[in-house]
Amino acid sequence: IEKKRTIIPTLVEAIKEQDGREVDWEYFYGLLFTSENLKLVHIVCHKKTTHKLNCDPSRIYKPQTRLKRKRPVRKRQ
């Protein structure tokens, strides 16, 4: 997945449209700064055409966790 044409724009859009959701920073960190998304290609061999590679929409935001309701404190008798 290309950093400049795919990852960064997706990250920017995710931040703008959070709506209370938390962006999955670990996912984007993995794509930008680790070898997980690294493929070295010589500039002459790299085709600057439209790619069909996109960020995984299910991983852009962290899964929302349900808040656990606390039980009311029992009064001692």
Protein backbone atom coordinates (compact mmCIF):
# COMPACT_ATOMS: atom_id res chain seq x y z
CA ILE A 1 0.00 0.00 0.00
CA GLU A 2 1.46 3.35 -0.97
CA LYS A 3 2.19 5.79 1.81
CA LYS A 4 1.62 9.00 -0.11
CA ARG A 5 -1.41 8.07 -2.20
CA THR A 6 -3.27 5.73 0.15
CA ILE A 7 -2.17 5.50 3.79
CA ILE A 8 -1.75 9.19 4.64
CA PRO A 9 -5.02 10.31 2.99
CA THR A 10 -6.90 7.48 4.74
CA LEU A 11 -5.38 8.45 8.09
CA VAL A 12 -6.28 12.12 7.60
CA GLU A 13 -9.86 11.23 6.69
CA ALA A 14 -10.14 8.87 9.68
CA ILE A 15 -9.02 11.63 12.05
CA LYS A 16 -11.46 14.15 10.59
CA GLU A 17 -14.39 11.74 10.78
CA GLN A 18 -13.75 10.01 14.11
CA ASP A 19 -17.21 10.64 15.57
CA GLY A 20 -16.10 9.49 19.00
CA ARG A 21 -14.24 6.45 17.65
CA GLU A 22 -10.55 5.92 18.32
CA VAL A 23 -8.21 5.65 15.33
CA ASP A 24 -6.18 2.44 15.42
CA TRP A 25 -2.74 4.06 15.58
CA GLU A 26 -0.97 0.72 15.81
CA TYR A 27 -2.38 -0.32 12.42
CA PHE A 28 -1.22 2.87 10.73
CA TYR A 29 2.15 2.73 12.50
CA GLY A 30 2.63 -0.80 11.15
CA LEU A 31 1.86 0.35 7.61
CA LEU A 32 4.10 3.43 7.78
CA PHE A 33 7.11 2.49 9.89
CA THR A 34 7.64 -1.27 9.88
CA SER A 35 8.63 -3.81 7.28
CA GLU A 36 5.05 -5.16 7.32
CA ASN A 37 4.21 -2.93 4.34
CA LEU A 38 7.69 -2.61 2.82
CA LYS A 39 8.36 -3.69 -0.71
CA LEU A 40 11.46 -2.29 -2.30
CA VAL A 41 10.97 -1.56 -5.97
CA HIS A 42 13.46 0.14 -8.25
CA ILE A 43 12.08 3.48 -9.48
CA VAL A 44 12.32 2.39 -13.13
CA CYS A 45 10.23 -0.72 -12.41
CA HIS A 46 7.57 1.10 -10.41
CA LYS A 47 4.43 1.82 -12.42
CA LYS A 48 2.69 5.02 -11.41
CA THR A 49 -0.77 3.78 -12.27
CA THR A 50 -3.87 3.40 -10.18
CA HIS A 51 -3.42 0.69 -7.60
CA LYS A 52 -6.21 -1.35 -6.12
CA LEU A 53 -4.53 -1.59 -2.74
CA ASN A 54 -6.35 0.17 0.08
CA CYS A 55 -6.19 0.30 3.85
CA ASP A 56 -8.34 -2.34 5.52
CA PRO A 57 -11.57 -0.49 6.45
CA SER A 58 -12.18 -2.81 9.40
CA ARG A 59 -8.85 -1.79 10.96
CA ILE A 60 -9.00 2.01 10.64
CA TYR A 61 -10.71 2.42 14.02
CA LYS A 62 -10.25 0.39 17.17
CA PRO A 63 -13.22 -1.81 18.03
CA GLN A 64 -15.54 -0.02 20.39
CA THR A 65 -15.70 -1.55 23.81
CA ARG A 66 -18.94 -1.64 25.69
CA LEU A 67 -18.98 0.13 28.99
CA LYS A 68 -19.69 -2.20 31.85
CA ARG A 69 -22.35 -0.99 34.18
CA LYS A 70 -21.27 -0.92 37.75
CA ARG A 71 -23.57 -2.47 40.27
CA PRO A 72 -24.86 -0.09 42.91
CA VAL A 73 -23.01 -0.32 46.19
CA ARG A 74 -24.83 -2.38 48.78
CA LYS A 75 -25.65 -0.62 51.99
CA ARG A 76 -24.58 -2.35 55.14
CA GLN A 77 -27.30 -3.09 57.65
